[in-house]
ModelCIF file with pLDDT and N, C-alpha, C, O atoms, coordinates in Angstrom:
data_MODEL
#
_entry.id   MODEL 
#
_entity.id                         1 
_entity.type                       polymer 
_entity.pdbx_number_of_molecules   1 
#
_entity_poly.entity_id                      1 
_entity_poly.type                           'polypeptide(L)' 
_entity_poly.nstd_linkage                   no 
_entity_poly.nstd_monomer                   no 
_entity_poly.pdbx_seq_one_letter_code       GARLPKSSETSVELMDHAGNVRSLNEISMNGF 
_entity_poly.pdbx_seq_one_letter_code_can   GARLPKSSETSVELMDHAGNVRSLNEISMNGF 
_entity_poly.pdbx_strand_id                 A 
#
loop_
_entity_poly_seq.entity_id 
_entity_poly_seq.num 
_entity_poly_seq.mon_id 
_entity_poly_seq.hetero 
1 1  GLY n 
1 2  ALA n 
1 3  ARG n 
1 4  LEU n 
1 5  PRO n 
1 6  LYS n 
1 7  SER n 
1 8  SER n 
1 9  GLU n 
1 10 THR n 
1 11 SER n 
1 12 VAL n 
1 13 GLU n 
1 14 LEU n 
1 15 MET n 
1 16 ASP n 
1 17 HIS n 
1 18 ALA n 
1 19 GLY n 
1 20 ASN n 
1 21 VAL n 
1 22 ARG n 
1 23 SER n 
1 24 LEU n 
1 25 ASN n 
1 26 GLU n 
1 27 ILE n 
1 28 SER n 
1 29 MET n 
1 30 ASN n 
1 31 GLY n 
1 32 PHE n 
#
_struct_asym.id          A 
_struct_asym.entity_id   1 
#
loop_
_ma_qa_metric.id 
_ma_qa_metric.mode 
_ma_qa_metric.name 
_ma_qa_metric.software_group_id 
_ma_qa_metric.type 
1 global pLDDT . pLDDT 
2 local  pLDDT . pLDDT 
#
_ma_qa_metric_global.metric_id      1 
_ma_qa_metric_global.metric_value   94.75 
_ma_qa_metric_global.model_id       1 
_ma_qa_metric_global.ordinal_id     1 
#
loop_
_ma_qa_metric_local.label_asym_id 
_ma_qa_metric_local.label_comp_id 
_ma_qa_metric_local.label_seq_id 
_ma_qa_metric_local.metric_id 
_ma_qa_metric_local.metric_value 
_ma_qa_metric_local.model_id 
_ma_qa_metric_local.ordinal_id 
A GLY 1  2 95.00 1 1  
A ALA 2  2 95.00 1 2  
A ARG 3  2 96.00 1 3  
A LEU 4  2 97.00 1 4  
A PRO 5  2 97.00 1 5  
A LYS 6  2 97.00 1 6  
A SER 7  2 97.00 1 7  
A SER 8  2 97.00 1 8  
A GLU 9  2 97.00 1 9  
A THR 10 2 98.00 1 10 
A SER 11 2 97.00 1 11 
A VAL 12 2 97.00 1 12 
A GLU 13 2 96.00 1 13 
A LEU 14 2 95.00 1 14 
A MET 15 2 94.00 1 15 
A ASP 16 2 91.00 1 16 
A HIS 17 2 88.00 1 17 
A ALA 18 2 86.00 1 18 
A GLY 19 2 89.00 1 19 
A ASN 20 2 91.00 1 20 
A VAL 21 2 94.00 1 21 
A ARG 22 2 97.00 1 22 
A SER 23 2 97.00 1 23 
A LEU 24 2 97.00 1 24 
A ASN 25 2 97.00 1 25 
A GLU 26 2 97.00 1 26 
A ILE 27 2 96.00 1 27 
A SER 28 2 95.00 1 28 
A MET 29 2 95.00 1 29 
A ASN 30 2 93.00 1 30 
A GLY 31 2 91.00 1 31 
A PHE 32 2 93.00 1 32 
#
loop_
_atom_site.group_PDB 
_atom_site.id 
_atom_site.type_symbol 
_atom_site.label_atom_id 
_atom_site.label_alt_id 
_atom_site.label_comp_id 
_atom_site.label_asym_id 
_atom_site.label_entity_id 
_atom_site.label_seq_id 
_atom_site.pdbx_PDB_ins_code 
_atom_site.Cartn_x 
_atom_site.Cartn_y 
_atom_site.Cartn_z 
_atom_site.occupancy 
_atom_site.B_iso_or_equiv 
_atom_site.pdbx_formal_charge 
_atom_site.auth_seq_id 
_atom_site.auth_comp_id 
_atom_site.auth_asym_id 
_atom_site.auth_atom_id 
_atom_site.pdbx_PDB_model_num 
ATOM 1   N N  . GLY A 1 1  ? -23.420 5.588   -11.119 1.00 95.00 ? 1  GLY A N  1 
ATOM 2   C CA . GLY A 1 1  ? -24.865 5.792   -11.130 1.00 95.00 ? 1  GLY A CA 1 
ATOM 3   C C  . GLY A 1 1  ? -25.261 6.652   -9.944  1.00 95.00 ? 1  GLY A C  1 
ATOM 4   O O  . GLY A 1 1  ? -24.410 7.202   -9.244  1.00 95.00 ? 1  GLY A O  1 
ATOM 5   N N  . ALA A 1 2  ? -26.563 6.759   -9.728  1.00 95.00 ? 2  ALA A N  1 
ATOM 6   C CA . ALA A 1 2  ? -27.078 7.600   -8.662  1.00 95.00 ? 2  ALA A CA 1 
ATOM 7   C C  . ALA A 1 2  ? -26.704 7.033   -7.233  1.00 95.00 ? 2  ALA A C  1 
ATOM 8   O O  . ALA A 1 2  ? -26.551 7.783   -6.269  1.00 95.00 ? 2  ALA A O  1 
ATOM 9   N N  . ARG A 1 3  ? -26.574 5.726   -7.165  1.00 96.00 ? 3  ARG A N  1 
ATOM 10  C CA . ARG A 1 3  ? -26.214 5.106   -5.883  1.00 96.00 ? 3  ARG A CA 1 
ATOM 11  C C  . ARG A 1 3  ? -24.859 5.465   -5.402  1.00 96.00 ? 3  ARG A C  1 
ATOM 12  O O  . ARG A 1 3  ? -24.665 5.747   -4.220  1.00 96.00 ? 3  ARG A O  1 
ATOM 13  N N  . LEU A 1 4  ? -23.899 5.461   -6.311  1.00 97.00 ? 4  LEU A N  1 
ATOM 14  C CA . LEU A 1 4  ? -22.472 5.835   -5.963  1.00 97.00 ? 4  LEU A CA 1 
ATOM 15  C C  . LEU A 1 4  ? -21.950 6.595   -7.169  1.00 97.00 ? 4  LEU A C  1 
ATOM 16  O O  . LEU A 1 4  ? -21.436 5.994   -8.113  1.00 97.00 ? 4  LEU A O  1 
ATOM 17  N N  . PRO A 1 5  ? -22.079 7.872   -7.140  1.00 97.00 ? 5  PRO A N  1 
ATOM 18  C CA . PRO A 1 5  ? -21.589 8.771   -8.223  1.00 97.00 ? 5  PRO A CA 1 
ATOM 19  C C  . PRO A 1 5  ? -20.033 8.716   -8.319  1.00 97.00 ? 5  PRO A C  1 
ATOM 20  O O  . PRO A 1 5  ? -19.332 8.462   -7.339  1.00 97.00 ? 5  PRO A O  1 
ATOM 21  N N  . LYS A 1 6  ? -19.565 8.956   -9.498  1.00 97.00 ? 6  LYS A N  1 
ATOM 22  C CA . LYS A 1 6  ? -18.106 9.006   -9.730  1.00 97.00 ? 6  LYS A CA 1 
ATOM 23  C C  . LYS A 1 6  ? -17.501 10.132  -8.874  1.00 97.00 ? 6  LYS A C  1 
ATOM 24  O O  . LYS A 1 6  ? -18.077 11.210  -8.723  1.00 97.00 ? 6  LYS A O  1 
ATOM 25  N N  . SER A 1 7  ? -16.325 9.836   -8.328  1.00 97.00 ? 7  SER A N  1 
ATOM 26  C CA . SER A 1 7  ? -15.602 10.857  -7.507  1.00 97.00 ? 7  SER A CA 1 
ATOM 27  C C  . SER A 1 7  ? -14.124 10.508  -7.584  1.00 97.00 ? 7  SER A C  1 
ATOM 28  O O  . SER A 1 7  ? -13.725 9.563   -8.264  1.00 97.00 ? 7  SER A O  1 
ATOM 29  N N  . SER A 1 8  ? -13.320 11.294  -6.868  1.00 97.00 ? 8  SER A N  1 
ATOM 30  C CA . SER A 1 8  ? -11.933 11.021  -6.835  1.00 97.00 ? 8  SER A CA 1 
ATOM 31  C C  . SER A 1 8  ? -11.688 9.741   -6.074  1.00 97.00 ? 8  SER A C  1 
ATOM 32  O O  . SER A 1 8  ? -10.750 9.003   -6.376  1.00 97.00 ? 8  SER A O  1 
ATOM 33  N N  . GLU A 1 9  ? -12.530 9.470   -5.081  1.00 97.00 ? 9  GLU A N  1 
ATOM 34  C CA . GLU A 1 9  ? -12.421 8.175   -4.313  1.00 97.00 ? 9  GLU A CA 1 
ATOM 35  C C  . GLU A 1 9  ? -12.678 6.936   -5.178  1.00 97.00 ? 9  GLU A C  1 
ATOM 36  O O  . GLU A 1 9  ? -11.955 5.945   -5.082  1.00 97.00 ? 9  GLU A O  1 
ATOM 37  N N  . THR A 1 10 ? -13.736 7.003   -6.043  1.00 98.00 ? 10 THR A N  1 
ATOM 38  C CA . THR A 1 10 ? -14.104 5.863   -6.803  1.00 98.00 ? 10 THR A CA 1 
ATOM 39  C C  . THR A 1 10 ? -13.122 5.699   -8.021  1.00 98.00 ? 10 THR A C  1 
ATOM 40  O O  . THR A 1 10 ? -13.145 4.664   -8.688  1.00 98.00 ? 10 THR A O  1 
ATOM 41  N N  . SER A 1 11 ? -12.316 6.665   -8.287  1.00 97.00 ? 11 SER A N  1 
ATOM 42  C CA . SER A 1 11 ? -11.337 6.612   -9.403  1.00 97.00 ? 11 SER A CA 1 
ATOM 43  C C  . SER A 1 11 ? -10.001 5.970   -8.967  1.00 97.00 ? 11 SER A C  1 
ATOM 44  O O  . SER A 1 11 ? -9.127  5.726   -9.799  1.00 97.00 ? 11 SER A O  1 
ATOM 45  N N  . VAL A 1 12 ? -9.861  5.711   -7.707  1.00 97.00 ? 12 VAL A N  1 
ATOM 46  C CA . VAL A 1 12 ? -8.640  5.088   -7.193  1.00 97.00 ? 12 VAL A CA 1 
ATOM 47  C C  . VAL A 1 12 ? -8.509  3.630   -7.670  1.00 97.00 ? 12 VAL A C  1 
ATOM 48  O O  . VAL A 1 12 ? -9.424  2.830   -7.476  1.00 97.00 ? 12 VAL A O  1 
ATOM 49  N N  . GLU A 1 13 ? -7.367  3.289   -8.296  1.00 96.00 ? 13 GLU A N  1 
ATOM 50  C CA . GLU A 1 13 ? -7.156  1.927   -8.759  1.00 96.00 ? 13 GLU A CA 1 
ATOM 51  C C  . GLU A 1 13 ? -6.813  0.990   -7.628  1.00 96.00 ? 13 GLU A C  1 
ATOM 52  O O  . GLU A 1 13 ? -6.031  1.325   -6.738  1.00 96.00 ? 13 GLU A O  1 
ATOM 53  N N  . LEU A 1 14 ? -7.411  -0.199  -7.672  1.00 95.00 ? 14 LEU A N  1 
ATOM 54  C CA . LEU A 1 14 ? -7.244  -1.202  -6.628  1.00 95.00 ? 14 LEU A CA 1 
ATOM 55  C C  . LEU A 1 14 ? -6.839  -2.523  -7.318  1.00 95.00 ? 14 LEU A C  1 
ATOM 56  O O  . LEU A 1 14 ? -7.247  -2.804  -8.445  1.00 95.00 ? 14 LEU A O  1 
ATOM 57  N N  . MET A 1 15 ? -6.019  -3.326  -6.600  1.00 94.00 ? 15 MET A N  1 
ATOM 58  C CA . MET A 1 15 ? -5.672  -4.645  -7.114  1.00 94.00 ? 15 MET A CA 1 
ATOM 59  C C  . MET A 1 15 ? -6.402  -5.740  -6.399  1.00 94.00 ? 15 MET A C  1 
ATOM 60  O O  . MET A 1 15 ? -6.453  -5.750  -5.169  1.00 94.00 ? 15 MET A O  1 
ATOM 61  N N  . ASP A 1 16 ? -6.981  -6.684  -7.153  1.00 91.00 ? 16 ASP A N  1 
ATOM 62  C CA . ASP A 1 16 ? -7.605  -7.812  -6.513  1.00 91.00 ? 16 ASP A CA 1 
ATOM 63  C C  . ASP A 1 16 ? -6.661  -8.897  -6.187  1.00 91.00 ? 16 ASP A C  1 
ATOM 64  O O  . ASP A 1 16 ? -5.459  -8.747  -6.404  1.00 91.00 ? 16 ASP A O  1 
ATOM 65  N N  . HIS A 1 17 ? -7.163  -10.041 -5.652  1.00 88.00 ? 17 HIS A N  1 
ATOM 66  C CA . HIS A 1 17 ? -6.307  -11.149 -5.263  1.00 88.00 ? 17 HIS A CA 1 
ATOM 67  C C  . HIS A 1 17 ? -5.630  -11.814 -6.427  1.00 88.00 ? 17 HIS A C  1 
ATOM 68  O O  . HIS A 1 17 ? -4.600  -12.460 -6.238  1.00 88.00 ? 17 HIS A O  1 
ATOM 69  N N  . ALA A 1 18 ? -6.171  -11.684 -7.652  1.00 86.00 ? 18 ALA A N  1 
ATOM 70  C CA . ALA A 1 18 ? -5.550  -12.284 -8.798  1.00 86.00 ? 18 ALA A CA 1 
ATOM 71  C C  . ALA A 1 18 ? -4.594  -11.357 -9.529  1.00 86.00 ? 18 ALA A C  1 
ATOM 72  O O  . ALA A 1 18 ? -4.016  -11.737 -10.548 1.00 86.00 ? 18 ALA A O  1 
ATOM 73  N N  . GLY A 1 19 ? -4.419  -10.109 -9.004  1.00 89.00 ? 19 GLY A N  1 
ATOM 74  C CA . GLY A 1 19 ? -3.507  -9.190  -9.622  1.00 89.00 ? 19 GLY A CA 1 
ATOM 75  C C  . GLY A 1 19 ? -4.150  -8.291  -10.693 1.00 89.00 ? 19 GLY A C  1 
ATOM 76  O O  . GLY A 1 19 ? -3.446  -7.551  -11.381 1.00 89.00 ? 19 GLY A O  1 
ATOM 77  N N  . ASN A 1 20 ? -5.457  -8.353  -10.831 1.00 91.00 ? 20 ASN A N  1 
ATOM 78  C CA . ASN A 1 20 ? -6.187  -7.434  -11.760 1.00 91.00 ? 20 ASN A CA 1 
ATOM 79  C C  . ASN A 1 20 ? -6.367  -6.086  -11.169 1.00 91.00 ? 20 ASN A C  1 
ATOM 80  O O  . ASN A 1 20 ? -6.716  -5.979  -9.994  1.00 91.00 ? 20 ASN A O  1 
ATOM 81  N N  . VAL A 1 21 ? -6.140  -5.002  -11.951 1.00 94.00 ? 21 VAL A N  1 
ATOM 82  C CA . VAL A 1 21 ? -6.236  -3.665  -11.414 1.00 94.00 ? 21 VAL A CA 1 
ATOM 83  C C  . VAL A 1 21 ? -7.476  -3.009  -12.061 1.00 94.00 ? 21 VAL A C  1 
ATOM 84  O O  . VAL A 1 21 ? -7.711  -3.098  -13.266 1.00 94.00 ? 21 VAL A O  1 
ATOM 85  N N  . ARG A 1 22 ? -8.260  -2.337  -11.171 1.00 97.00 ? 22 ARG A N  1 
ATOM 86  C CA . ARG A 1 22 ? -9.416  -1.598  -11.648 1.00 97.00 ? 22 ARG A CA 1 
ATOM 87  C C  . ARG A 1 22 ? -9.868  -0.662  -10.554 1.00 97.00 ? 22 ARG A C  1 
ATOM 88  O O  . ARG A 1 22 ? -9.536  -0.834  -9.381  1.00 97.00 ? 22 ARG A O  1 
ATOM 89  N N  . SER A 1 23 ? -10.641 0.340   -10.967 1.00 97.00 ? 23 SER A N  1 
ATOM 90  C CA . SER A 1 23 ? -11.287 1.277   -10.008 1.00 97.00 ? 23 SER A CA 1 
ATOM 91  C C  . SER A 1 23 ? -12.811 0.928   -9.953  1.00 97.00 ? 23 SER A C  1 
ATOM 92  O O  . SER A 1 23 ? -13.313 0.104   -10.718 1.00 97.00 ? 23 SER A O  1 
ATOM 93  N N  . LEU A 1 24 ? -13.477 1.573   -9.051  1.00 97.00 ? 24 LEU A N  1 
ATOM 94  C CA . LEU A 1 24 ? -14.932 1.328   -8.932  1.00 97.00 ? 24 LEU A CA 1 
ATOM 95  C C  . LEU A 1 24 ? -15.687 1.928   -10.115 1.00 97.00 ? 24 LEU A C  1 
ATOM 96  O O  . LEU A 1 24 ? -16.892 1.704   -10.227 1.00 97.00 ? 24 LEU A O  1 
ATOM 97  N N  . ASN A 1 25 ? -15.042 2.673   -10.994 1.00 97.00 ? 25 ASN A N  1 
ATOM 98  C CA . ASN A 1 25 ? -15.636 3.256   -12.166 1.00 97.00 ? 25 ASN A CA 1 
ATOM 99  C C  . ASN A 1 25 ? -15.644 2.285   -13.315 1.00 97.00 ? 25 ASN A C  1 
ATOM 100 O O  . ASN A 1 25 ? -16.229 2.562   -14.363 1.00 97.00 ? 25 ASN A O  1 
ATOM 101 N N  . GLU A 1 26 ? -14.991 1.127   -13.130 1.00 97.00 ? 26 GLU A N  1 
ATOM 102 C CA . GLU A 1 26 ? -14.798 0.165   -14.281 1.00 97.00 ? 26 GLU A CA 1 
ATOM 103 C C  . GLU A 1 26 ? -15.370 -1.171  -14.003 1.00 97.00 ? 26 GLU A C  1 
ATOM 104 O O  . GLU A 1 26 ? -15.710 -1.483  -12.862 1.00 97.00 ? 26 GLU A O  1 
ATOM 105 N N  . ILE A 1 27 ? -15.487 -1.986  -15.038 1.00 96.00 ? 27 ILE A N  1 
ATOM 106 C CA . ILE A 1 27 ? -16.115 -3.267  -14.911 1.00 96.00 ? 27 ILE A CA 1 
ATOM 107 C C  . ILE A 1 27 ? -15.429 -4.157  -13.917 1.00 96.00 ? 27 ILE A C  1 
ATOM 108 O O  . ILE A 1 27 ? -14.211 -4.330  -13.958 1.00 96.00 ? 27 ILE A O  1 
ATOM 109 N N  . SER A 1 28 ? -16.199 -4.715  -13.033 1.00 95.00 ? 28 SER A N  1 
ATOM 110 C CA . SER A 1 28 ? -15.695 -5.724  -12.094 1.00 95.00 ? 28 SER A CA 1 
ATOM 111 C C  . SER A 1 28 ? -16.428 -7.033  -12.327 1.00 95.00 ? 28 SER A C  1 
ATOM 112 O O  . SER A 1 28 ? -17.649 -7.098  -12.182 1.00 95.00 ? 28 SER A O  1 
ATOM 113 N N  . MET A 1 29 ? -15.684 -8.083  -12.690 1.00 95.00 ? 29 MET A N  1 
ATOM 114 C CA . MET A 1 29 ? -16.293 -9.342  -13.068 1.00 95.00 ? 29 MET A CA 1 
ATOM 115 C C  . MET A 1 29 ? -15.729 -10.513 -12.269 1.00 95.00 ? 29 MET A C  1 
ATOM 116 O O  . MET A 1 29 ? -14.519 -10.743 -12.282 1.00 95.00 ? 29 MET A O  1 
ATOM 117 N N  . ASN A 1 30 ? -16.549 -11.220 -11.609 1.00 93.00 ? 30 ASN A N  1 
ATOM 118 C CA . ASN A 1 30 ? -16.165 -12.501 -10.932 1.00 93.00 ? 30 ASN A CA 1 
ATOM 119 C C  . ASN A 1 30 ? -16.384 -13.597 -11.901 1.00 93.00 ? 30 ASN A C  1 
ATOM 120 O O  . ASN A 1 30 ? -17.434 -14.240 -11.902 1.00 93.00 ? 30 ASN A O  1 
ATOM 121 N N  . GLY A 1 31 ? -15.399 -13.826 -12.741 1.00 91.00 ? 31 GLY A N  1 
ATOM 122 C CA . GLY A 1 31 ? -15.573 -14.752 -13.866 1.00 91.00 ? 31 GLY A CA 1 
ATOM 123 C C  . GLY A 1 31 ? -16.010 -16.154 -13.426 1.00 91.00 ? 31 GLY A C  1 
ATOM 124 O O  . GLY A 1 31 ? -16.853 -16.768 -14.079 1.00 91.00 ? 31 GLY A O  1 
ATOM 125 N N  . PHE A 1 32 ? -15.448 -16.663 -12.330 1.00 93.00 ? 32 PHE A N  1 
ATOM 126 C CA . PHE A 1 32 ? -15.777 -18.046 -11.894 1.00 93.00 ? 32 PHE A CA 1 
ATOM 127 C C  . PHE A 1 32 ? -17.230 -18.125 -11.426 1.00 93.00 ? 32 PHE A C  1 
ATOM 128 O O  . PHE A 1 32 ? -17.693 -19.193 -11.025 1.00 93.00 ? 32 PHE A O  1 
#
């Protein structure tokens, strides 16, 4: 969005504490 446009930095994949992999360009859900 306008707040944080897509870039090479936001496309970097990261792993969370549960082993799920995603970038800032993708859905992030705190299911609990």
